[in-house]
PDB file of N, CA and C in Angstrom:
ATOM      1  N   MET A   1       8.510 -19.307  26.266  1.00  0.00           N
ATOM      2  CA  MET A   1       7.241 -19.989  26.122  1.00  0.00           C
ATOM      3  C   MET A   1       6.422 -19.312  25.034  1.00  0.00           C
ATOM      4  N   ALA A   2       5.724 -20.070  24.252  1.00  0.00           N
ATOM      5  CA  ALA A   2       4.957 -19.553  23.128  1.00  0.00           C
ATOM      6  C   ALA A   2       3.618 -18.984  23.593  1.00  0.00           C
ATOM      7  N   ASN A   3       3.220 -17.876  22.981  1.00  0.00           N
ATOM      8  CA  ASN A   3       1.898 -17.312  23.239  1.00  0.00           C
ATOM      9  C   ASN A   3       0.865 -18.148  22.501  1.00  0.00           C
ATOM     10  N   CYS A   4      -0.368 -18.104  22.978  1.00  0.00           N
ATOM     11  CA  CYS A   4      -1.424 -18.913  22.383  1.00  0.00           C
ATOM     12  C   CYS A   4      -2.691 -18.083  22.247  1.00  0.00           C
ATOM     13  N   GLU A   5      -3.353 -18.242  21.096  1.00  0.00           N
ATOM     14  CA  GLU A   5      -4.660 -17.624  20.871  1.00  0.00           C
ATOM     15  C   GLU A   5      -5.685 -18.742  20.725  1.00  0.00           C
ATOM     16  N   HIS A   6      -6.779 -18.656  21.480  1.00  0.00           N
ATOM     17  CA  HIS A   6      -7.849 -19.659  21.438  1.00  0.00           C
ATOM     18  C   HIS A   6      -9.040 -19.094  20.678  1.00  0.00           C
ATOM     19  N   PHE A   7      -9.635 -19.930  19.842  1.00  0.00           N
ATOM     20  CA  PHE A   7     -10.868 -19.583  19.143  1.00  0.00           C
ATOM     21  C   PHE A   7     -11.804 -20.778  19.196  1.00  0.00           C
ATOM     22  N   ARG A   8     -13.083 -20.502  19.365  1.00  0.00           N
ATOM     23  CA  ARG A   8     -14.087 -21.568  19.353  1.00  0.00           C
ATOM     24  C   ARG A   8     -14.968 -21.375  18.130  1.00  0.00           C
ATOM     25  N   TYR A   9     -15.220 -22.477  17.426  1.00  0.00           N
ATOM     26  CA  TYR A   9     -16.077 -22.428  16.238  1.00  0.00           C
ATOM     27  C   TYR A   9     -17.163 -23.482  16.380  1.00  0.00           C
ATOM     28  N   MET A  10     -18.388 -23.042  16.272  1.00  0.00           N
ATOM     29  CA  MET A  10     -19.525 -23.964  16.311  1.00  0.00           C
ATOM     30  C   MET A  10     -20.148 -23.983  14.926  1.00  0.00           C
ATOM     31  N   GLU A  11     -19.921 -25.077  14.226  1.00  0.00           N
ATOM     32  CA  GLU A  11     -20.415 -25.231  12.860  1.00  0.00           C
ATOM     33  C   GLU A  11     -21.872 -25.672  12.899  1.00  0.00           C
ATOM     34  N   PRO A  12     -22.730 -25.008  12.140  1.00  0.00           N
ATOM     35  CA  PRO A  12     -24.135 -25.419  12.115  1.00  0.00           C
ATOM     36  C   PRO A  12     -24.296 -26.758  11.403  1.00  0.00           C
ATOM     37  N   SER A  13     -25.304 -27.523  11.792  1.00  0.00           N
ATOM     38  CA  SER A  13     -25.541 -28.807  11.132  1.00  0.00           C
ATOM     39  C   SER A  13     -26.126 -28.563   9.746  1.00  0.00           C
ATOM     40  N   ARG A  14     -25.704 -29.372   8.815  1.00  0.00           N
ATOM     41  CA  ARG A  14     -26.159 -29.271   7.423  1.00  0.00           C
ATOM     42  C   ARG A  14     -26.644 -30.638   6.967  1.00  0.00           C
ATOM     43  N   GLY A  15     -27.929 -30.783   6.821  1.00  0.00           N
ATOM     44  CA  GLY A  15     -28.471 -32.047   6.331  1.00  0.00           C
ATOM     45  C   GLY A  15     -28.124 -33.214   7.243  1.00  0.00           C
ATOM     46  N   ALA A  16     -27.473 -34.213   6.656  1.00  0.00           N
ATOM     47  CA  ALA A  16     -27.123 -35.426   7.400  1.00  0.00           C
ATOM     48  C   ALA A  16     -25.866 -35.234   8.243  1.00  0.00           C
ATOM     49  N   ARG A  17     -25.098 -34.174   7.978  1.00  0.00           N
ATOM     50  CA  ARG A  17     -23.857 -33.933   8.714  1.00  0.00           C
ATOM     51  C   ARG A  17     -24.157 -33.249  10.043  1.00  0.00           C
ATOM     52  N   PRO A  18     -23.695 -33.822  11.158  1.00  0.00           N
ATOM     53  CA  PRO A  18     -23.945 -33.181  12.463  1.00  0.00           C
ATOM     54  C   PRO A  18     -23.097 -31.925  12.629  1.00  0.00           C
ATOM     55  N   SER A  19     -23.517 -31.073  13.547  1.00  0.00           N
ATOM     56  CA  SER A  19     -22.758 -29.859  13.818  1.00  0.00           C
ATOM     57  C   SER A  19     -21.471 -30.220  14.539  1.00  0.00           C
ATOM     58  N   ARG A  20     -20.479 -29.316  14.451  1.00  0.00           N
ATOM     59  CA  ARG A  20     -19.202 -29.532  15.117  1.00  0.00           C
ATOM     60  C   ARG A  20     -18.918 -28.365  16.046  1.00  0.00           C
ATOM     61  N   ASP A  21     -18.360 -28.679  17.197  1.00  0.00           N
ATOM     62  CA  ASP A  21     -17.945 -27.686  18.179  1.00  0.00           C
ATOM     63  C   ASP A  21     -16.438 -27.852  18.335  1.00  0.00           C
ATOM     64  N   LEU A  22     -15.674 -26.893  17.783  1.00  0.00           N
ATOM     65  CA  LEU A  22     -14.227 -27.021  17.729  1.00  0.00           C
ATOM     66  C   LEU A  22     -13.534 -25.881  18.460  1.00  0.00           C
ATOM     67  N   THR A  23     -12.389 -26.174  19.066  1.00  0.00           N
ATOM     68  CA  THR A  23     -11.522 -25.166  19.648  1.00  0.00           C
ATOM     69  C   THR A  23     -10.207 -25.182  18.874  1.00  0.00           C
ATOM     70  N   PHE A  24      -9.799 -24.008  18.413  1.00  0.00           N
ATOM     71  CA  PHE A  24      -8.543 -23.842  17.683  1.00  0.00           C
ATOM     72  C   PHE A  24      -7.567 -23.122  18.596  1.00  0.00           C
ATOM     73  N   LYS A  25      -6.353 -23.652  18.722  1.00  0.00           N
ATOM     74  CA  LYS A  25      -5.303 -23.019  19.511  1.00  0.00           C
ATOM     75  C   LYS A  25      -4.124 -22.747  18.589  1.00  0.00           C
ATOM     76  N   PHE A  26      -3.851 -21.467  18.352  1.00  0.00           N
ATOM     77  CA  PHE A  26      -2.744 -21.046  17.506  1.00  0.00           C
ATOM     78  C   PHE A  26      -1.618 -20.560  18.419  1.00  0.00           C
ATOM     79  N   TYR A  27      -0.455 -21.191  18.321  1.00  0.00           N
ATOM     80  CA  TYR A  27       0.698 -20.826  19.138  1.00  0.00           C
ATOM     81  C   TYR A  27       1.664 -19.976  18.322  1.00  0.00           C
ATOM     82  N   SER A  28       2.356 -19.067  18.993  1.00  0.00           N
ATOM     83  CA  SER A  28       3.261 -18.152  18.297  1.00  0.00           C
ATOM     84  C   SER A  28       4.451 -18.869  17.662  1.00  0.00           C
ATOM     85  N   ASP A  29       4.746 -20.074  18.107  1.00  0.00           N
ATOM     86  CA  ASP A  29       5.849 -20.829  17.502  1.00  0.00           C
ATOM     87  C   ASP A  29       5.407 -21.614  16.264  1.00  0.00           C
ATOM     88  N   GLY A  30       4.137 -21.433  15.848  1.00  0.00           N
ATOM     89  CA  GLY A  30       3.627 -22.078  14.642  1.00  0.00           C
ATOM     90  C   GLY A  30       2.807 -23.325  14.902  1.00  0.00           C
ATOM     91  N   LYS A  31       2.795 -23.805  16.114  1.00  0.00           N
ATOM     92  CA  LYS A  31       2.034 -25.004  16.448  1.00  0.00           C
ATOM     93  C   LYS A  31       0.539 -24.711  16.411  1.00  0.00           C
ATOM     94  N   LEU A  32      -0.228 -25.703  15.989  1.00  0.00           N
ATOM     95  CA  LEU A  32      -1.676 -25.588  15.933  1.00  0.00           C
ATOM     96  C   LEU A  32      -2.290 -26.809  16.584  1.00  0.00           C
ATOM     97  N   VAL A  33      -3.298 -26.582  17.425  1.00  0.00           N
ATOM     98  CA  VAL A  33      -4.046 -27.680  18.031  1.00  0.00           C
ATOM     99  C   VAL A  33      -5.525 -27.408  17.764  1.00  0.00           C
ATOM    100  N   ILE A  34      -6.197 -28.420  17.206  1.00  0.00           N
ATOM    101  CA  ILE A  34      -7.640 -28.332  16.963  1.00  0.00           C
ATOM    102  C   ILE A  34      -8.289 -29.441  17.778  1.00  0.00           C
ATOM    103  N   VAL A  35      -9.214 -29.074  18.661  1.00  0.00           N
ATOM    104  CA  VAL A  35      -9.865 -30.044  19.535  1.00  0.00           C
ATOM    105  C   VAL A  35     -11.357 -30.075  19.230  1.00  0.00           C
ATOM    106  N   ASP A  36     -11.885 -31.277  19.050  1.00  0.00           N
ATOM    107  CA  ASP A  36     -13.330 -31.468  18.918  1.00  0.00           C
ATOM    108  C   ASP A  36     -13.877 -31.483  20.335  1.00  0.00           C
ATOM    109  N   ASN A  37     -14.641 -30.458  20.704  1.00  0.00           N
ATOM    110  CA  ASN A  37     -15.121 -30.325  22.079  1.00  0.00           C
ATOM    111  C   ASN A  37     -16.137 -31.391  22.459  1.00  0.00           C
ATOM    112  N   ASP A  38     -16.797 -32.012  21.484  1.00  0.00           N
ATOM    113  CA  ASP A  38     -17.773 -33.056  21.795  1.00  0.00           C
ATOM    114  C   ASP A  38     -17.098 -34.375  22.166  1.00  0.00           C
ATOM    115  N   THR A  39     -15.989 -34.699  21.483  1.00  0.00           N
ATOM    116  CA  THR A  39     -15.326 -35.984  21.710  1.00  0.00           C
ATOM    117  C   THR A  39     -14.019 -35.865  22.478  1.00  0.00           C
ATOM    118  N   GLY A  40     -13.426 -34.665  22.473  1.00  0.00           N
ATOM    119  CA  GLY A  40     -12.137 -34.477  23.113  1.00  0.00           C
ATOM    120  C   GLY A  40     -10.958 -34.878  22.241  1.00  0.00           C
ATOM    121  N   HIS A  41     -11.230 -35.341  21.030  1.00  0.00           N
ATOM    122  CA  HIS A  41     -10.170 -35.764  20.117  1.00  0.00           C
ATOM    123  C   HIS A  41      -9.503 -34.564  19.448  1.00  0.00           C
ATOM    124  N   THR A  42      -8.219 -34.737  19.145  1.00  0.00           N
ATOM    125  CA  THR A  42      -7.468 -33.723  18.421  1.00  0.00           C
ATOM    126  C   THR A  42      -7.590 -33.988  16.931  1.00  0.00           C
ATOM    127  N   LEU A  43      -7.798 -32.922  16.162  1.00  0.00           N
ATOM    128  CA  LEU A  43      -7.950 -33.029  14.713  1.00  0.00           C
ATOM    129  C   LEU A  43      -6.789 -32.344  14.017  1.00  0.00           C
ATOM    130  N   SER A  44      -6.607 -32.673  12.748  1.00  0.00           N
ATOM    131  CA  SER A  44      -5.640 -31.962  11.919  1.00  0.00           C
ATOM    132  C   SER A  44      -6.427 -31.123  10.917  1.00  0.00           C
ATOM    133  N   PRO A  45      -5.796 -30.140  10.289  1.00  0.00           N
ATOM    134  CA  PRO A  45      -6.513 -29.342   9.293  1.00  0.00           C
ATOM    135  C   PRO A  45      -7.099 -30.192   8.156  1.00  0.00           C
ATOM    136  N   ARG A  46      -6.500 -31.339   7.875  1.00  0.00           N
ATOM    137  CA  ARG A  46      -7.032 -32.239   6.838  1.00  0.00           C
ATOM    138  C   ARG A  46      -8.396 -32.804   7.190  1.00  0.00           C
ATOM    139  N   ASP A  47      -8.708 -32.859   8.489  1.00  0.00           N
ATOM    140  CA  ASP A  47      -9.985 -33.394   8.950  1.00  0.00           C
ATOM    141  C   ASP A  47     -11.124 -32.384   8.832  1.00  0.00           C
ATOM    142  N   LEU A  48     -10.788 -31.144   8.514  1.00  0.00           N
ATOM    143  CA  LEU A  48     -11.790 -30.080   8.427  1.00  0.00           C
ATOM    144  C   LEU A  48     -12.378 -30.010   7.026  1.00  0.00           C
ATOM    145  N   SER A  49     -13.603 -29.518   6.954  1.00  0.00           N
ATOM    146  CA  SER A  49     -14.237 -29.282   5.658  1.00  0.00           C
ATOM    147  C   SER A  49     -15.306 -28.214   5.825  1.00  0.00           C
ATOM    148  N   GLY A  50     -15.667 -27.611   4.735  1.00  0.00           N
ATOM    149  CA  GLY A  50     -16.738 -26.618   4.745  1.00  0.00           C
ATOM    150  C   GLY A  50     -16.421 -25.417   5.603  1.00  0.00           C
ATOM    151  N   GLY A  51     -17.367 -25.056   6.447  1.00  0.00           N
ATOM    152  CA  GLY A  51     -17.240 -23.873   7.286  1.00  0.00           C
ATOM    153  C   GLY A  51     -16.103 -23.933   8.270  1.00  0.00           C
ATOM    154  N   SER A  52     -15.832 -25.111   8.825  1.00  0.00           N
ATOM    155  CA  SER A  52     -14.742 -25.220   9.800  1.00  0.00           C
ATOM    156  C   SER A  52     -13.391 -25.015   9.126  1.00  0.00           C
ATOM    157  N   TYR A  53     -13.226 -25.489   7.896  1.00  0.00           N
ATOM    158  CA  TYR A  53     -11.971 -25.270   7.177  1.00  0.00           C
ATOM    159  C   TYR A  53     -11.817 -23.798   6.801  1.00  0.00           C
ATOM    160  N   ASP A  54     -12.904 -23.189   6.377  1.00  0.00           N
ATOM    161  CA  ASP A  54     -12.877 -21.762   6.034  1.00  0.00           C
ATOM    162  C   ASP A  54     -12.507 -20.929   7.270  1.00  0.00           C
ATOM    163  N   PHE A  55     -13.093 -21.260   8.407  1.00  0.00           N
ATOM    164  CA  PHE A  55     -12.776 -20.564   9.659  1.00  0.00           C
ATOM    165  C   PHE A  55     -11.297 -20.727   9.987  1.00  0.00           C
ATOM    166  N   TYR A  56     -10.783 -21.951   9.893  1.00  0.00           N
ATOM    167  CA  TYR A  56      -9.364 -22.215  10.165  1.00  0.00           C
ATOM    168  C   TYR A  56      -8.473 -21.380   9.251  1.00  0.00           C
ATOM    169  N   ALA A  57      -8.761 -21.388   7.952  1.00  0.00           N
ATOM    170  CA  ALA A  57      -7.919 -20.668   6.991  1.00  0.00           C
ATOM    171  C   ALA A  57      -7.918 -19.167   7.274  1.00  0.00           C
ATOM    172  N   ARG A  58      -9.076 -18.596   7.532  1.00  0.00           N
ATOM    173  CA  ARG A  58      -9.162 -17.159   7.814  1.00  0.00           C
ATOM    174  C   ARG A  58      -8.425 -16.786   9.105  1.00  0.00           C
ATOM    175  N   GLN A  59      -8.592 -17.597  10.140  1.00  0.00           N
ATOM    176  CA  GLN A  59      -7.926 -17.311  11.412  1.00  0.00           C
ATOM    177  C   GLN A  59      -6.416 -17.499  11.299  1.00  0.00           C
ATOM    178  N   ARG A  60      -5.996 -18.483  10.524  1.00  0.00           N
ATOM    179  CA  ARG A  60      -4.560 -18.720  10.340  1.00  0.00           C
ATOM    180  C   ARG A  60      -3.912 -17.542   9.619  1.00  0.00           C
ATOM    181  N   ILE A  61      -4.557 -17.060   8.566  1.00  0.00           N
ATOM    182  CA  ILE A  61      -4.040 -15.910   7.820  1.00  0.00           C
ATOM    183  C   ILE A  61      -3.985 -14.680   8.717  1.00  0.00           C
ATOM    184  N   ALA A  62      -5.042 -14.436   9.489  1.00  0.00           N
ATOM    185  CA  ALA A  62      -5.076 -13.284  10.402  1.00  0.00           C
ATOM    186  C   ALA A  62      -3.981 -13.408  11.462  1.00  0.00           C
ATOM    187  N   PHE A  63      -3.752 -14.624  11.977  1.00  0.00           N
ATOM    188  CA  PHE A  63      -2.717 -14.850  12.983  1.00  0.00           C
ATOM    189  C   PHE A  63      -1.334 -14.542  12.398  1.00  0.00           C
ATOM    190  N   ILE A  64      -1.076 -14.992  11.193  1.00  0.00           N
ATOM    191  CA  ILE A  64       0.211 -14.747  10.536  1.00  0.00           C
ATOM    192  C   ILE A  64       0.416 -13.252  10.317  1.00  0.00           C
ATOM    193  N   LYS A  65      -0.624 -12.548   9.878  1.00  0.00           N
ATOM    194  CA  LYS A  65      -0.521 -11.101   9.676  1.00  0.00           C
ATOM    195  C   LYS A  65      -0.203 -10.379  10.983  1.00  0.00           C
ATOM    196  N   ARG A  66      -0.906 -10.731  12.062  1.00  0.00           N
ATOM    197  CA  ARG A  66      -0.646 -10.102  13.360  1.00  0.00           C
ATOM    198  C   ARG A  66       0.780 -10.382  13.832  1.00  0.00           C
ATOM    199  N   ASP A  67       1.247 -11.592  13.615  1.00  0.00           N
ATOM    200  CA  ASP A  67       2.598 -11.959  14.013  1.00  0.00           C
ATOM    201  C   ASP A  67       3.638 -11.172  13.216  1.00  0.00           C
ATOM    202  N   LEU A  68       3.425 -11.027  11.919  1.00  0.00           N
ATOM    203  CA  LEU A  68       4.357 -10.256  11.093  1.00  0.00           C
ATOM    204  C   LEU A  68       4.384  -8.793  11.487  1.00  0.00           C
ATOM    205  N   ILE A  69       3.229  -8.215  11.767  1.00  0.00           N
ATOM    206  CA  ILE A  69       3.169  -6.814  12.187  1.00  0.00           C
ATOM    207  C   ILE A  69       3.909  -6.630  13.514  1.00  0.00           C
ATOM    208  N   ALA A  70       3.702  -7.543  14.447  1.00  0.00           N
ATOM    209  CA  ALA A  70       4.374  -7.457  15.753  1.00  0.00           C
ATOM    210  C   ALA A  70       5.889  -7.552  15.591  1.00  0.00           C
ATOM    211  N   LYS A  71       6.342  -8.457  14.733  1.00  0.00           N
ATOM    212  CA  LYS A  71       7.777  -8.612  14.517  1.00  0.00           C
ATOM    213  C   LYS A  71       8.362  -7.388  13.804  1.00  0.00           C
ATOM    214  N   ARG A  72       7.617  -6.837  12.866  1.00  0.00           N
ATOM    215  CA  ARG A  72       8.084  -5.652  12.150  1.00  0.00           C
ATOM    216  C   ARG A  72       8.215  -4.479  13.115  1.00  0.00           C
ATOM    217  N   GLU A  73       7.242  -4.296  14.003  1.00  0.00           N
ATOM    218  CA  GLU A  73       7.301  -3.222  14.988  1.00  0.00           C
ATOM    219  C   GLU A  73       8.435  -3.429  15.991  1.00  0.00           C
ATOM    220  N   LYS A  74       8.679  -4.673  16.334  1.00  0.00           N
ATOM    221  CA  LYS A  74       9.725  -4.965  17.313  1.00  0.00           C
ATOM    222  C   LYS A  74      11.114  -4.764  16.742  1.00  0.00           C
ATOM    223  N   TYR A  75      11.332  -5.155  15.486  1.00  0.00           N
ATOM    224  CA  TYR A  75      12.671  -5.119  14.905  1.00  0.00           C
ATOM    225  C   TYR A  75      12.909  -3.976  13.926  1.00  0.00           C
ATOM    226  N   ALA A  76      11.917  -3.134  13.692  1.00  0.00           N
ATOM    227  CA  ALA A  76      12.089  -2.039  12.726  1.00  0.00           C
ATOM    228  C   ALA A  76      12.824  -0.872  13.320  1.00  0.00           C
TER     229      ALA A  76
END
């Protein structure tokens, strides 16, 4: 079974754009689930923009680094 890391991101409202409340689930098998907590709908990374996309990219890179370090320690 794949491990999962959950992150919540609350994007501040900017002008006419409403704020977003998102949950990101990163699975160790590479699967990603992004849920809009206000609507319950699942999003793809293409649906993100601005701060939410930046948050996704930073967390994804950090997740990959942690996974590589864990694998290196396990198999080194």
